[in-house]
């Protein structure tokens, strides 16, 4: 037998309603959204200028190195294919 408040196979009891999310557009507040956004941005730990510059340089160097390696490997395969075919 089902316990009080529960029914078989997860079906809702007759006469009971389940909570339904309200229409999101009816309770949207731009000022509350902006306030919440500012609160979240205040929690962010922003990098220092030196850290930003050094990490940006590292990314640019790694991308350049990867592109150069891909270029060289591609040219090698073009050269090798020219010799074989």
Protein backbone atom coordinates (compact mmCIF):
# COMPACT_ATOMS: atom_id res chain seq x y z
CA UNK A 1 0.00 0.00 0.00
CA UNK A 2 1.23 3.51 -0.80
CA UNK A 3 2.51 5.71 2.00
CA UNK A 4 0.66 8.88 2.91
CA UNK A 5 1.27 11.57 0.25
CA UNK A 6 2.76 9.12 -2.22
CA UNK A 7 0.98 7.24 -4.94
CA UNK A 8 1.86 4.25 -7.04
CA UNK A 9 4.23 4.77 -9.98
CA UNK A 10 4.81 8.45 -9.15
CA UNK A 11 1.34 9.59 -10.23
CA UNK A 12 -0.08 12.69 -8.56
CA UNK A 13 -3.08 12.28 -6.30
CA UNK A 14 -6.41 13.61 -7.51
CA UNK A 15 -7.11 17.15 -6.40
CA UNK A 16 -3.44 17.90 -5.73
CA UNK A 17 -1.59 20.33 -7.98
CA UNK A 18 2.08 20.41 -8.67
CA UNK A 19 3.91 23.73 -8.64
CA UNK A 20 4.43 25.14 -12.11
CA UNK A 21 7.08 27.70 -13.02
CA UNK A 22 5.55 31.09 -13.61
CA UNK A 23 5.97 32.79 -16.95
CA UNK A 24 9.57 34.08 -16.89
CA UNK A 25 8.72 37.30 -18.72
CA UNK A 26 6.12 38.33 -16.15
CA UNK A 27 8.61 38.69 -13.29
CA UNK A 28 11.78 39.83 -15.10
CA UNK A 29 13.36 42.95 -13.73
CA UNK A 30 16.22 44.56 -15.64
CA UNK A 31 17.43 46.41 -12.56
CA UNK A 32 17.54 43.19 -10.49
CA UNK A 33 19.37 41.45 -13.32
CA UNK A 34 21.99 44.21 -13.53
CA UNK A 35 22.34 44.27 -9.74
CA UNK A 36 22.92 40.51 -9.68
CA UNK A 37 25.37 40.75 -12.57
CA UNK A 38 27.38 43.42 -10.74
CA UNK A 39 27.44 41.29 -7.57
CA UNK A 40 28.79 38.32 -9.53
CA UNK A 41 31.41 40.45 -11.32
CA UNK A 42 32.59 41.75 -7.92
CA UNK A 43 33.36 38.13 -6.94
CA UNK A 44 35.66 37.61 -9.95
CA UNK A 45 39.39 37.60 -9.20
CA UNK A 46 40.79 39.63 -12.08
CA UNK A 47 44.41 39.03 -13.19
CA UNK A 48 47.04 41.69 -12.63
CA UNK A 49 48.33 43.66 -15.60
CA UNK A 50 51.64 41.75 -15.51
CA UNK A 51 49.87 38.37 -15.37
CA UNK A 52 47.57 39.37 -18.23
CA UNK A 53 50.50 40.45 -20.42
CA UNK A 54 52.65 37.38 -19.67
CA UNK A 55 49.81 34.91 -20.29
CA UNK A 56 48.77 36.70 -23.48
CA UNK A 57 52.35 36.55 -24.77
CA UNK A 58 52.50 32.84 -23.90
CA UNK A 59 49.28 32.16 -25.82
CA UNK A 60 50.46 34.14 -28.86
CA UNK A 61 53.81 32.29 -28.85
CA UNK A 62 52.17 28.87 -28.55
CA UNK A 63 49.71 29.62 -31.36
CA UNK A 64 52.55 30.88 -33.56
CA UNK A 65 54.65 27.80 -32.78
CA UNK A 66 51.73 25.45 -33.51
CA UNK A 67 50.95 27.22 -36.79
CA UNK A 68 54.61 27.05 -37.83
CA UNK A 69 54.83 23.33 -37.04
CA UNK A 70 51.62 22.61 -38.97
CA UNK A 71 52.93 24.67 -41.91
CA UNK A 72 56.25 22.78 -41.96
CA UNK A 73 54.61 19.35 -41.68
CA UNK A 74 52.16 20.29 -44.44
CA UNK A 75 54.99 21.40 -46.73
CA UNK A 76 56.90 18.20 -45.97
CA UNK A 77 53.92 16.08 -47.01
CA UNK A 78 53.44 18.18 -50.16
CA UNK A 79 57.13 17.67 -51.01
CA UNK A 80 56.94 13.91 -50.23
CA UNK A 81 53.76 13.49 -52.31
CA UNK A 82 55.49 15.27 -55.22
CA UNK A 83 58.39 12.79 -55.04
CA UNK A 84 56.13 9.72 -54.82
CA UNK A 85 53.54 10.69 -57.44
